Protein backbone atom coordinates (compact mmCIF):
# COMPACT_ATOMS: atom_id res chain seq x y z
CA UNK A 1 0.07 0.01 -0.02
CA UNK A 2 1.21 3.66 -1.00
CA UNK A 3 0.47 6.42 1.41
CA UNK A 4 1.02 10.15 0.77
CA UNK A 5 1.64 12.27 3.79
CA UNK A 6 0.36 15.40 4.87
CA UNK A 7 2.85 18.35 4.34
CA UNK A 8 2.90 18.09 8.34
CA UNK A 9 4.02 14.48 8.15
CA UNK A 10 6.87 15.22 5.49
CA UNK A 11 9.44 15.07 8.52
CA UNK A 12 8.66 11.50 9.44
CA UNK A 13 11.06 11.17 6.50
CA UNK A 14 14.14 13.02 7.74
CA UNK A 15 16.26 9.81 8.19
CA UNK A 16 15.34 7.97 5.10
CA UNK A 17 16.68 11.47 2.90
CA UNK A 18 19.51 11.90 5.02
CA UNK A 19 21.26 9.11 4.09
CA UNK A 20 21.56 10.93 0.83
CA UNK A 21 24.17 13.24 -0.45
CA UNK A 22 21.58 15.67 -2.69
CA UNK A 23 19.94 18.67 -1.10
CA UNK A 24 16.54 18.50 -3.05
CA UNK A 25 14.69 15.80 -1.30
CA UNK A 26 16.05 16.95 2.09
CA UNK A 27 14.82 20.88 1.18
CA UNK A 28 11.60 19.21 0.59
CA UNK A 29 11.37 16.76 3.37
CA UNK A 30 12.19 20.11 5.93
CA UNK A 31 9.17 21.97 4.32
CA UNK A 32 11.38 25.01 2.89
CA UNK A 33 10.79 24.39 -1.07
CA UNK A 34 7.43 22.38 -2.00
CA UNK A 35 6.88 18.45 -3.22
CA UNK A 36 4.82 15.70 -2.41
CA UNK A 37 6.02 12.56 -0.21
CA UNK A 38 4.44 8.76 -1.23
CA UNK A 39 5.75 5.94 1.43
CA UNK A 40 4.84 2.49 2.67
CA UNK A 41 4.16 3.36 5.97
CA UNK A 42 2.89 5.96 7.05
CA UNK A 43 4.32 6.50 11.02
CA UNK A 44 7.25 4.82 10.18
CA UNK A 45 8.29 4.92 6.54
CA UNK A 46 10.80 2.75 5.53
CA UNK A 47 10.98 3.47 1.79
CA UNK A 48 9.75 7.07 -0.31
CA UNK A 49 9.06 8.50 -3.21
CA UNK A 50 9.24 12.15 -3.59
CA UNK A 51 7.28 13.99 -6.28
CA UNK A 52 9.59 17.45 -6.88
CA UNK A 53 7.03 20.47 -6.46
CA UNK A 54 8.35 22.21 -9.98
CA UNK A 55 7.13 18.48 -11.49
CA UNK A 56 10.43 18.12 -12.49
CA UNK A 57 11.09 15.14 -11.56
CA UNK A 58 10.93 12.10 -8.79
CA UNK A 59 13.36 10.91 -5.92
CA UNK A 60 13.39 7.22 -4.49
CA UNK A 61 14.39 7.56 -0.99
CA UNK A 62 15.12 4.78 1.61
CA UNK A 63 15.66 1.35 1.23
CA UNK A 64 15.69 -0.03 -1.98
CA UNK A 65 15.24 -3.10 -1.28
CA UNK A 66 11.88 -3.05 0.20
CA UNK A 67 9.96 -5.20 -1.99
CA UNK A 68 7.00 -4.66 -1.07
CA UNK A 69 7.04 -0.96 -1.48
CA UNK A 70 9.16 -1.69 -5.05
CA UNK A 71 5.97 -3.69 -6.05
CA UNK A 72 3.58 -1.27 -4.61
CA UNK A 73 5.12 1.89 -5.82
CA UNK A 74 5.08 0.63 -9.17
CA UNK A 75 1.53 -0.26 -9.63
CA UNK A 76 0.86 3.55 -7.96
CA UNK A 77 3.11 4.81 -11.01
CA UNK A 78 1.22 3.22 -13.24
CA UNK A 79 -2.05 4.15 -12.12
CA UNK A 80 -2.46 7.00 -10.58
CA UNK A 81 0.80 9.42 -10.78
CA UNK A 82 0.72 8.35 -14.55
CA UNK A 83 -2.25 10.44 -15.33
CA UNK A 84 -1.28 12.53 -13.00
CA UNK A 85 1.61 13.58 -14.40
CA UNK A 86 0.58 13.62 -18.04
CA UNK A 87 -2.19 16.28 -16.90
CA UNK A 88 0.50 18.76 -15.48
CA UNK A 89 2.10 18.33 -19.46
CA UNK A 90 4.90 15.44 -18.56
CA UNK A 91 5.53 13.19 -20.81
CA UNK A 92 8.41 11.66 -19.31
CA UNK A 93 9.01 10.09 -15.88
CA UNK A 94 12.39 10.84 -14.49
CA UNK A 95 13.56 9.78 -11.22
CA UNK A 96 17.10 9.43 -9.66
CA UNK A 97 17.81 7.54 -5.98
CA UNK A 98 19.69 8.97 -2.99
CA UNK A 99 21.85 6.30 -2.83
CA UNK A 100 23.07 3.73 -5.57
CA UNK A 101 21.57 1.16 -4.76
CA UNK A 102 18.14 2.80 -6.20
CA UNK A 103 20.04 2.29 -9.79
CA UNK A 104 19.73 -1.70 -9.73
CA UNK A 105 16.07 -1.27 -8.48
CA UNK A 106 15.14 0.62 -10.87
CA UNK A 107 15.77 -1.82 -13.36
CA UNK A 108 14.13 -4.41 -11.72
CA UNK A 109 11.01 -2.02 -10.67
CA UNK A 110 10.69 -0.93 -14.49
CA UNK A 111 11.32 -4.06 -16.05
CA UNK A 112 8.77 -3.35 -18.49
CA UNK A 113 9.74 -0.29 -19.40
CA UNK A 114 12.38 1.15 -22.01
CA UNK A 115 14.51 2.47 -19.23
CA UNK A 116 17.43 5.51 -20.51
CA UNK A 117 19.79 7.10 -18.01
CA UNK A 118 22.25 10.40 -17.76
CA UNK A 119 24.62 11.66 -15.61
CA UNK A 120 24.66 14.44 -12.89
CA UNK A 121 27.60 16.01 -11.43
CA UNK A 122 27.02 18.25 -8.57
CA UNK A 123 30.17 21.22 -7.45
CA UNK A 124 30.86 22.74 -4.86
CA UNK A 125 33.06 25.71 -3.99
CA UNK A 126 34.87 27.25 -0.95
CA UNK A 127 36.23 30.93 -0.87
CA UNK A 128 39.48 30.03 -1.58
CA UNK A 129 39.25 29.05 -5.04
CA UNK A 130 36.34 31.39 -5.86
CA UNK A 131 37.36 33.35 -9.30
CA UNK A 132 35.56 36.19 -8.84
CA UNK A 133 36.30 38.17 -12.27
CA UNK A 134 32.50 37.84 -13.36
CA UNK A 135 32.01 40.64 -11.20
CA UNK A 136 34.31 43.03 -12.80
CA UNK A 137 32.25 45.34 -14.63
CA UNK A 138 33.90 47.47 -17.41
CA UNK A 139 33.10 51.29 -18.55
CA UNK A 140 31.56 50.21 -21.90
CA UNK A 141 29.65 47.18 -20.57
CA UNK A 142 26.02 46.97 -21.75
CA UNK A 143 24.81 44.89 -19.34
CA UNK A 144 23.97 45.83 -15.64
CA UNK A 145 23.62 43.73 -12.84
CA UNK A 146 20.32 43.71 -10.05
CA UNK A 147 19.30 41.85 -7.20
CA UNK A 148 16.11 40.15 -7.32
CA UNK A 149 14.38 41.06 -4.27
CA UNK A 150 10.32 42.40 -4.06
CA UNK A 151 10.77 45.99 -4.82
CA UNK A 152 13.43 45.30 -7.90
CA UNK A 153 10.42 43.11 -9.31
CA UNK A 154 7.53 45.10 -8.63
CA UNK A 155 8.93 48.60 -9.06
CA UNK A 156 7.25 48.21 -12.55
CA UNK A 157 9.96 48.97 -15.16
CA UNK A 158 11.13 45.59 -15.86
CA UNK A 159 9.70 44.85 -19.34
CA UNK A 160 9.91 41.16 -19.38
CA UNK A 161 9.35 40.69 -14.81
CA UNK A 162 7.02 37.63 -16.13
CA UNK A 163 10.83 35.69 -16.67
CA UNK A 164 11.62 36.10 -13.14
CA UNK A 165 8.47 35.57 -11.73
CA UNK A 166 8.04 32.00 -13.32
CA UNK A 167 12.16 30.77 -12.90
CA UNK A 168 10.72 31.33 -8.94
CA UNK A 169 7.55 29.52 -8.76
CA UNK A 170 9.64 26.82 -10.72
CA UNK A 171 11.34 26.30 -8.18
CA UNK A 172 9.34 27.77 -4.87
CA UNK A 173 5.65 27.64 -3.45
CA UNK A 174 5.23 31.46 -3.74
CA UNK A 175 7.33 34.43 -4.47
CA UNK A 176 7.14 35.05 -0.54
CA UNK A 177 9.22 32.13 0.38
CA UNK A 178 11.73 32.72 -2.17
CA UNK A 179 12.27 35.94 -0.30
CA UNK A 180 12.34 34.36 2.81
CA UNK A 181 14.25 31.69 1.86
CA UNK A 182 16.08 32.13 -1.16
CA UNK A 183 17.97 34.95 -3.23
CA UNK A 184 19.28 35.56 -6.68
CA UNK A 185 20.55 37.76 -9.14
CA UNK A 186 19.86 38.83 -12.57
CA UNK A 187 21.38 40.20 -15.69
CA UNK A 188 19.58 43.17 -17.55
CA UNK A 189 19.69 44.70 -21.29
CA UNK A 190 17.59 47.61 -21.58
CA UNK A 191 15.34 46.93 -19.36
CA UNK A 192 14.82 43.12 -19.99
CA UNK A 193 16.27 40.08 -17.65
CA UNK A 194 18.38 38.10 -19.42
CA UNK A 195 19.57 36.00 -17.57
CA UNK A 196 19.04 34.66 -13.76
CA UNK A 197 20.87 32.90 -11.10
CA UNK A 198 19.07 32.08 -8.07
CA UNK A 199 18.48 29.98 -5.19
CA UNK A 200 16.29 26.53 -6.64
CA UNK A 201 16.85 24.73 -3.35
CA UNK A 202 17.75 25.39 0.29
CA UNK A 203 18.59 23.08 2.85
CA UNK A 204 20.18 25.00 5.95
CA UNK A 205 23.01 26.85 4.94
CA UNK A 206 23.13 25.63 1.47
CA UNK A 207 22.13 26.85 -1.88
CA UNK A 208 21.32 25.22 -5.15
CA UNK A 209 21.80 26.95 -8.02
CA UNK A 210 18.95 27.61 -10.36
CA UNK A 211 19.99 29.35 -13.81
CA UNK A 212 19.01 30.69 -16.74
CA UNK A 213 20.04 32.73 -19.78
CA UNK A 214 17.55 33.71 -23.06
CA UNK A 215 18.70 31.78 -25.76
CA UNK A 216 19.19 35.09 -27.83
CA UNK A 217 21.53 36.44 -25.13
CA UNK A 218 23.91 32.86 -24.99
CA UNK A 219 27.02 32.82 -25.05
CA UNK A 220 28.25 36.05 -23.93
CA UNK A 221 29.07 35.11 -20.34
CA UNK A 222 26.09 36.12 -18.99
CA UNK A 223 25.30 33.36 -17.05
CA UNK A 224 28.98 33.66 -15.28
CA UNK A 225 28.84 36.99 -14.16
CA UNK A 226 25.06 36.17 -12.49
CA UNK A 227 26.38 33.27 -11.18
CA UNK A 228 29.62 35.45 -9.63
CA UNK A 229 27.58 37.91 -8.05
CA UNK A 230 25.13 34.58 -6.60
CA UNK A 231 28.38 33.01 -5.16
CA UNK A 232 29.95 36.48 -3.75
CA UNK A 233 26.52 36.76 -1.61
CA UNK A 234 26.38 33.50 -0.64
CA UNK A 235 29.57 34.05 0.95
CA UNK A 236 29.00 37.11 2.35
CA UNK A 237 26.17 35.43 4.15
CA UNK A 238 27.98 32.10 5.50
CA UNK A 239 26.40 30.27 2.94
CA UNK A 240 27.38 27.11 0.93
CA UNK A 241 26.96 27.43 -2.89
CA UNK A 242 25.35 23.98 -4.62
CA UNK A 243 25.46 23.20 -8.49
CA UNK A 244 23.78 20.15 -9.68
CA UNK A 245 24.12 19.85 -13.94
CA UNK A 246 23.78 17.01 -16.37
CA UNK A 247 27.23 15.96 -17.55
CA UNK A 248 26.48 16.39 -20.99
CA UNK A 249 25.02 20.27 -20.37
CA UNK A 250 28.83 21.06 -20.89
CA UNK A 251 28.21 25.03 -20.66
CA UNK A 252 26.96 24.78 -17.24
CA UNK A 253 29.94 22.74 -16.42
CA UNK A 254 32.15 25.23 -17.42
CA UNK A 255 30.47 28.22 -15.91
CA UNK A 256 31.36 26.24 -12.52
CA UNK A 257 34.65 25.47 -12.87
CA UNK A 258 35.31 28.21 -14.34
CA UNK A 259 33.96 30.37 -11.01
CA UNK A 260 36.12 27.49 -9.20
CA UNK A 261 33.62 25.15 -8.23
CA UNK A 262 34.69 21.49 -7.59
CA UNK A 263 33.17 18.04 -8.50
CA UNK A 264 32.16 16.73 -5.15
CA UNK A 265 30.22 13.78 -6.95
CA UNK A 266 28.51 12.32 -9.94
CA UNK A 267 25.11 10.46 -9.53
CA UNK A 268 22.48 8.76 -12.29
CA UNK A 269 19.22 9.47 -13.44
CA UNK A 270 16.35 7.25 -15.19
CA UNK A 271 13.57 8.10 -17.31
CA UNK A 272 10.70 6.66 -19.47
CA UNK A 273 8.21 7.47 -21.78
CA UNK A 274 4.93 7.81 -20.07
């Protein structure tokens, strides 16, 4: 049997997520970022499935060898989650495990699916390795930098403020939640936001980056500039920046390394067509 926990019950999964190294599931369990949690037992869960609040993917946590859960969650995904996911516009079921033992379990759980996989890299950075050259401003620079604050976003002069708000709501329950728990910087060109680097997730003092540059402005090192301000802001307040990206996202990996981030670990993700 699979049960969906109410938000006030999420804390019962702390032991399950604390065994892992990723921050997304921990941020959701702590209630900082939105998500849904499905478990095998309401009072004392042994295994669980977390649906990220931005509907971006699923995280399996806890005991990967829990056969009863693995069978029940497969049925629940087929009979319930698939329909909800499709209603949200999802065409793929994308999942990760908070421990490598889930990799083998996925092949067993989804034995009837055409399962594809990809690799993720996670980077961390310390002040000693931070390359802050991206914060340098040249006199002829046509771009300006602004912090993502409530006042900035609602001043009425930004032409595409919806770009930033959509990005925030992709990761956070509300704008207010982001302003309370997260932070970010953007690059402006002619009163339009063209690049953003912000907190996508937060767990305690760790801020996971969410970064995006408009397609027509890519290749101009704007993500590097925005991320430089983000990292500097983190260090000034005692926070730890956390960078998670797909291994084949070469621009994102390059920006991280150029800033001074060092790869901490890698993990695999799995996906199949709904």
